[in-house]
Amino acid sequence: METAKNSPAPETPPQRRIIRDRTEISNFLATLAENATREIVIFAPHLQGAFFNSSRFARALASFAARHRQNLARIVVEDTDQALRDNDRLVGLCRRLSDFIHMHQVAEEHLGIREMFMVVDHRGYLHQQDTDKPDCVTHAHDSHEAVLLTRRFNELWDRSEPIVALRASGL
C-alpha cells in the first residue's frame, strides 16, 4: 500500500499568464512552435524579428514542417516590407518550405488591427491585445480561447493575399 509520502504530487494544470518581458515572449513563442503537432497560425501587423526571426524559432518551425507532410503554418502580416526585410530566417523558410509555411498580406479591410497572436493546434496561444503595450496573455492548453483566436485568424486568412515577393523569381 502506497502512503501519501510515496505517491507522486499531482501536476497543477498550466495557467493563463501575462508576460511582459521580450525575452520571455520570444521563448514562449518558440516553445509553442516546438510543441506544435499539426497547425501554427500567426497574425501580426509587424513581425518583430526578436520574436519570429530567432534561430530557436526558425529551428522549431523547420522541424514542425518536416515532421509530417500535412503540417501547416500560416502567417498573416500587415507590413510586408518590414516582414521581408527584418525576418530573413522566416522568409527563407517560407521560400524553402513553401508547401508547409505560408505568409500572406492582410486584406485592406483589416488594416490597422493592433494586436498580435500565435495559436498552435487549437490549444496553446500567445495573444498581445495591443502591440503598443508589452502585455501578452498566454496559455499552453486553453482550447476555448485558442479556437476563438483561430476562427478570427481564419477570417483574416480568407481575405488575405499571398505575398508575391516571397515566390522565387528566377527563371
C-alpha atoms as a PDB file:
ATOM      1  CA  MET A   1       0.000   0.000   0.000  1.00  0.00           C
ATOM      2  CA  GLU A   2       1.389   3.372  -1.013  1.00  0.00           C
ATOM      3  CA  THR A   3       1.493   6.117   1.501  1.00  0.00           C
ATOM      4  CA  ALA A   4       0.887   9.742   0.757  1.00  0.00           C
ATOM      5  CA  LYS A   5       4.608  10.244   1.219  1.00  0.00           C
ATOM      6  CA  ASN A   6       5.480   7.941  -1.662  1.00  0.00           C
ATOM      7  CA  SER A   7       2.764   8.939  -4.125  1.00  0.00           C
ATOM      8  CA  PRO A   8       3.693  11.476  -6.771  1.00  0.00           C
ATOM      9  CA  ALA A   9       2.436  15.017  -6.307  1.00  0.00           C
ATOM     10  CA  PRO A  10      -0.422  15.838  -8.677  1.00  0.00           C
ATOM     11  CA  GLU A  11       0.602  18.117 -11.510  1.00  0.00           C
ATOM     12  CA  THR A  12      -1.027  21.507 -11.500  1.00  0.00           C
ATOM     13  CA  PRO A  13      -2.596  22.342 -14.843  1.00  0.00           C
ATOM     14  CA  PRO A  14      -0.984  25.155 -16.813  1.00  0.00           C
ATOM     15  CA  GLN A  15      -2.451  28.541 -16.072  1.00  0.00           C
ATOM     16  CA  ARG A  16      -3.232  31.625 -18.064  1.00  0.00           C
ATOM     17  CA  ARG A  17      -0.377  34.061 -17.587  1.00  0.00           C
ATOM     18  CA  ILE A  18       0.516  37.580 -18.542  1.00  0.00           C
ATOM     19  CA  ILE A  19       4.082  38.105 -19.668  1.00  0.00           C
ATOM     20  CA  ARG A  20       5.740  41.408 -20.499  1.00  0.00           C
ATOM     21  CA  ASP A  21       9.425  40.660 -20.896  1.00  0.00           C
ATOM     22  CA  ARG A  22      10.523  40.477 -24.563  1.00  0.00           C
ATOM     23  CA  THR A  23      12.852  37.533 -23.931  1.00  0.00           C
ATOM     24  CA  GLU A  24      10.082  35.637 -22.149  1.00  0.00           C
ATOM     25  CA  ILE A  25       7.683  36.391 -25.022  1.00  0.00           C
ATOM     26  CA  SER A  26      10.238  35.152 -27.541  1.00  0.00           C
ATOM     27  CA  ASN A  27      10.844  31.988 -25.506  1.00  0.00           C
ATOM     28  CA  PHE A  28       7.112  31.279 -25.154  1.00  0.00           C
ATOM     29  CA  LEU A  29       6.557  31.671 -28.923  1.00  0.00           C
ATOM     30  CA  ALA A  30       9.460  29.299 -29.625  1.00  0.00           C
ATOM     31  CA  THR A  31       8.124  26.806 -27.066  1.00  0.00           C
ATOM     32  CA  LEU A  32       4.699  26.908 -28.723  1.00  0.00           C
ATOM     33  CA  ALA A  33       6.289  26.225 -32.115  1.00  0.00           C
ATOM     34  CA  GLU A  34       8.433  23.417 -30.672  1.00  0.00           C
ATOM     35  CA  ASN A  35       5.336  21.710 -29.276  1.00  0.00           C
ATOM     36  CA  ALA A  36       3.082  22.161 -32.311  1.00  0.00           C
ATOM     37  CA  THR A  37       1.930  18.928 -33.906  1.00  0.00           C
ATOM     38  CA  ARG A  38      -0.381  19.974 -36.780  1.00  0.00           C
ATOM     39  CA  GLU A  39      -1.059  23.702 -37.155  1.00  0.00           C
ATOM     40  CA  ILE A  40       0.504  27.062 -36.381  1.00  0.00           C
ATOM     41  CA  VAL A  41      -1.289  30.330 -37.118  1.00  0.00           C
ATOM     42  CA  ILE A  42       0.238  33.765 -36.595  1.00  0.00           C
ATOM     43  CA  PHE A  43      -1.254  37.202 -37.072  1.00  0.00           C
ATOM     44  CA  ALA A  44       0.978  40.220 -36.606  1.00  0.00           C
ATOM     45  CA  PRO A  45       0.761  43.723 -38.043  1.00  0.00           C
ATOM     46  CA  HIS A  46       4.572  43.800 -37.813  1.00  0.00           C
ATOM     47  CA  LEU A  47       6.631  40.617 -37.483  1.00  0.00           C
ATOM     48  CA  GLN A  48       9.112  41.563 -34.809  1.00  0.00           C
ATOM     49  CA  GLY A  49      12.431  39.961 -35.614  1.00  0.00           C
ATOM     50  CA  ALA A  50      13.179  39.492 -31.918  1.00  0.00           C
ATOM     51  CA  PHE A  51      10.210  37.117 -31.728  1.00  0.00           C
ATOM     52  CA  PHE A  52       9.959  35.479 -35.142  1.00  0.00           C
ATOM     53  CA  ASN A  53      13.480  35.668 -36.586  1.00  0.00           C
ATOM     54  CA  SER A  54      15.401  33.972 -33.783  1.00  0.00           C
ATOM     55  CA  SER A  55      17.374  30.836 -34.585  1.00  0.00           C
ATOM     56  CA  ARG A  56      15.357  28.887 -31.993  1.00  0.00           C
ATOM     57  CA  PHE A  57      12.019  29.867 -33.555  1.00  0.00           C
ATOM     58  CA  ALA A  58      13.326  29.110 -37.067  1.00  0.00           C
ATOM     59  CA  ARG A  59      14.579  25.674 -35.976  1.00  0.00           C
ATOM     60  CA  ALA A  60      11.243  24.920 -34.315  1.00  0.00           C
ATOM     61  CA  LEU A  61       9.301  25.975 -37.405  1.00  0.00           C
ATOM     62  CA  ALA A  62      11.540  23.975 -39.759  1.00  0.00           C
ATOM     63  CA  SER A  63      11.252  20.916 -37.524  1.00  0.00           C
ATOM     64  CA  PHE A  64       7.477  21.340 -37.380  1.00  0.00           C
ATOM     65  CA  ALA A  65       7.274  21.488 -41.185  1.00  0.00           C
ATOM     66  CA  ALA A  66       9.476  18.425 -41.601  1.00  0.00           C
ATOM     67  CA  ARG A  67       7.650  16.318 -39.017  1.00  0.00           C
ATOM     68  CA  HIS A  68       4.553  15.499 -41.075  1.00  0.00           C
ATOM     69  CA  ARG A  69       3.504  16.210 -44.645  1.00  0.00           C
ATOM     70  CA  GLN A  70       0.182  17.703 -43.528  1.00  0.00           C
ATOM     71  CA  ASN A  71       1.646  20.167 -41.022  1.00  0.00           C
ATOM     72  CA  LEU A  72       0.863  23.741 -41.944  1.00  0.00           C
ATOM     73  CA  ALA A  73       1.989  27.109 -40.621  1.00  0.00           C
ATOM     74  CA  ARG A  74       0.101  30.180 -41.840  1.00  0.00           C
ATOM     75  CA  ILE A  75       1.132  33.757 -41.168  1.00  0.00           C
ATOM     76  CA  VAL A  76      -0.760  36.961 -41.922  1.00  0.00           C
ATOM     77  CA  VAL A  77       1.041  40.306 -41.679  1.00  0.00           C
ATOM     78  CA  GLU A  78       0.163  43.890 -42.428  1.00  0.00           C
ATOM     79  CA  ASP A  79       3.581  45.401 -43.120  1.00  0.00           C
ATOM     80  CA  THR A  80       5.004  43.032 -45.724  1.00  0.00           C
ATOM     81  CA  ASP A  81       8.037  45.214 -46.483  1.00  0.00           C
ATOM     82  CA  GLN A  82       9.071  45.122 -42.821  1.00  0.00           C
ATOM     83  CA  ALA A  83       8.326  41.389 -42.533  1.00  0.00           C
ATOM     84  CA  LEU A  84      10.510  40.567 -45.525  1.00  0.00           C
ATOM     85  CA  ARG A  85      13.299  42.966 -44.532  1.00  0.00           C
ATOM     86  CA  ASP A  86      13.594  42.066 -40.831  1.00  0.00           C
ATOM     87  CA  ASN A  87      12.900  38.322 -40.834  1.00  0.00           C
ATOM     88  CA  ASP A  88      15.396  36.688 -43.185  1.00  0.00           C
ATOM     89  CA  ARG A  89      15.277  33.302 -41.398  1.00  0.00           C
ATOM     90  CA  LEU A  90      11.493  33.162 -41.562  1.00  0.00           C
ATOM     91  CA  VAL A  91      11.410  34.392 -45.163  1.00  0.00           C
ATOM     92  CA  GLY A  92      13.970  31.736 -46.125  1.00  0.00           C
ATOM     93  CA  LEU A  93      11.792  29.055 -44.533  1.00  0.00           C
ATOM     94  CA  CYS A  94       8.718  30.355 -46.373  1.00  0.00           C
ATOM     95  CA  ARG A  95      10.629  30.059 -49.645  1.00  0.00           C
ATOM     96  CA  ARG A  96      12.264  26.671 -48.996  1.00  0.00           C
ATOM     97  CA  LEU A  97       9.257  25.048 -47.309  1.00  0.00           C
ATOM     98  CA  SER A  98       6.506  26.738 -49.292  1.00  0.00           C
ATOM     99  CA  ASP A  99       4.235  23.687 -49.096  1.00  0.00           C
ATOM    100  CA  PHE A 100       4.203  23.916 -45.291  1.00  0.00           C
ATOM    101  CA  ILE A 101       4.743  27.580 -44.377  1.00  0.00           C
ATOM    102  CA  HIS A 102       2.623  30.297 -45.995  1.00  0.00           C
ATOM    103  CA  MET A 103       2.753  34.052 -45.426  1.00  0.00           C
ATOM    104  CA  HIS A 104       0.032  36.405 -46.645  1.00  0.00           C
ATOM    105  CA  GLN A 105      -0.666  40.112 -46.508  1.00  0.00           C
ATOM    106  CA  VAL A 106      -3.756  41.185 -44.606  1.00  0.00           C
ATOM    107  CA  ALA A 107      -6.674  42.499 -46.675  1.00  0.00           C
ATOM    108  CA  GLU A 108      -7.177  46.226 -46.920  1.00  0.00           C
ATOM    109  CA  GLU A 109     -10.359  45.998 -44.849  1.00  0.00           C
ATOM    110  CA  HIS A 110      -8.346  44.615 -41.905  1.00  0.00           C
ATOM    111  CA  LEU A 111      -5.539  47.182 -41.955  1.00  0.00           C
ATOM    112  CA  GLY A 112      -4.846  48.826 -38.620  1.00  0.00           C
ATOM    113  CA  ILE A 113      -5.509  45.901 -36.297  1.00  0.00           C
ATOM    114  CA  ARG A 114      -3.240  46.500 -33.312  1.00  0.00           C
ATOM    115  CA  GLU A 115      -2.889  43.025 -31.907  1.00  0.00           C
ATOM    116  CA  MET A 116      -0.626  40.037 -32.432  1.00  0.00           C
ATOM    117  CA  PHE A 117      -1.320  36.400 -31.717  1.00  0.00           C
ATOM    118  CA  MET A 118       0.007  32.922 -32.350  1.00  0.00           C
ATOM    119  CA  VAL A 119      -2.024  29.743 -31.870  1.00  0.00           C
ATOM    120  CA  VAL A 120      -0.875  26.129 -32.155  1.00  0.00           C
ATOM    121  CA  ASP A 121      -3.113  23.105 -32.631  1.00  0.00           C
ATOM    122  CA  HIS A 122      -6.253  24.832 -31.327  1.00  0.00           C
ATOM    123  CA  ARG A 123      -4.858  24.644 -27.790  1.00  0.00           C
ATOM    124  CA  GLY A 124      -1.898  26.889 -26.953  1.00  0.00           C
ATOM    125  CA  TYR A 125      -1.632  30.590 -27.675  1.00  0.00           C
ATOM    126  CA  LEU A 126       0.063  33.907 -27.055  1.00  0.00           C
ATOM    127  CA  HIS A 127      -2.115  36.999 -27.534  1.00  0.00           C
ATOM    128  CA  GLN A 128      -0.866  40.584 -27.384  1.00  0.00           C
ATOM    129  CA  GLN A 129      -4.065  42.602 -27.426  1.00  0.00           C
ATOM    130  CA  ASP A 130      -2.324  45.904 -28.195  1.00  0.00           C
ATOM    131  CA  THR A 131       1.065  45.906 -29.899  1.00  0.00           C
ATOM    132  CA  ASP A 132       1.875  49.261 -28.292  1.00  0.00           C
ATOM    133  CA  LYS A 133       1.740  47.604 -24.847  1.00  0.00           C
ATOM    134  CA  PRO A 134       4.084  44.830 -23.736  1.00  0.00           C
ATOM    135  CA  ASP A 135       1.406  42.658 -22.058  1.00  0.00           C
ATOM    136  CA  CYS A 136       0.810  39.247 -23.645  1.00  0.00           C
ATOM    137  CA  VAL A 137      -1.755  36.749 -22.417  1.00  0.00           C
ATOM    138  CA  THR A 138      -0.503  33.185 -22.754  1.00  0.00           C
ATOM    139  CA  HIS A 139      -1.756  29.703 -22.119  1.00  0.00           C
ATOM    140  CA  ALA A 140      -0.269  26.393 -23.218  1.00  0.00           C
ATOM    141  CA  HIS A 141      -3.554  24.437 -23.015  1.00  0.00           C
ATOM    142  CA  ASP A 142      -6.705  26.550 -23.357  1.00  0.00           C
ATOM    143  CA  SER A 143      -8.738  25.111 -26.208  1.00  0.00           C
ATOM    144  CA  HIS A 144     -11.622  27.551 -25.838  1.00  0.00           C
ATOM    145  CA  GLU A 145      -9.598  30.751 -26.292  1.00  0.00           C
ATOM    146  CA  ALA A 146      -7.289  29.121 -28.844  1.00  0.00           C
ATOM    147  CA  VAL A 147     -10.256  28.118 -31.018  1.00  0.00           C
ATOM    148  CA  LEU A 148     -11.701  31.648 -30.836  1.00  0.00           C
ATOM    149  CA  LEU A 149      -8.370  33.145 -31.929  1.00  0.00           C
ATOM    150  CA  THR A 150      -8.042  30.567 -34.718  1.00  0.00           C
ATOM    151  CA  ARG A 151     -11.514  31.476 -36.012  1.00  0.00           C
ATOM    152  CA  ARG A 152     -10.506  35.146 -36.085  1.00  0.00           C
ATOM    153  CA  PHE A 153      -7.315  34.189 -37.874  1.00  0.00           C
ATOM    154  CA  ASN A 154      -9.253  32.180 -40.466  1.00  0.00           C
ATOM    155  CA  GLU A 155     -11.402  35.226 -41.234  1.00  0.00           C
ATOM    156  CA  LEU A 156      -8.234  37.271 -41.786  1.00  0.00           C
ATOM    157  CA  TRP A 157      -6.649  34.472 -43.831  1.00  0.00           C
ATOM    158  CA  ASP A 158      -9.681  34.004 -46.078  1.00  0.00           C
ATOM    159  CA  ARG A 159      -9.496  37.621 -47.219  1.00  0.00           C
ATOM    160  CA  SER A 160      -5.691  37.906 -47.309  1.00  0.00           C
ATOM    161  CA  GLU A 161      -3.429  37.734 -50.368  1.00  0.00           C
ATOM    162  CA  PRO A 162      -0.201  35.790 -50.896  1.00  0.00           C
ATOM    163  CA  ILE A 163       2.943  37.911 -50.753  1.00  0.00           C
ATOM    164  CA  VAL A 164       4.248  37.877 -54.318  1.00  0.00           C
ATOM    165  CA  ALA A 165       7.794  38.838 -53.275  1.00  0.00           C
ATOM    166  CA  LEU A 166       8.107  35.527 -51.388  1.00  0.00           C
ATOM    167  CA  ARG A 167       7.919  33.469 -54.540  1.00  0.00           C
ATOM    168  CA  ALA A 168      11.230  32.733 -56.238  1.00  0.00           C
ATOM    169  CA  SER A 169      11.512  34.867 -59.341  1.00  0.00           C
ATOM    170  CA  GLY A 170      14.464  33.165 -61.023  1.00  0.00           C
ATOM    171  CA  LEU A 171      13.901  31.563 -64.440  1.00  0.00           C
END
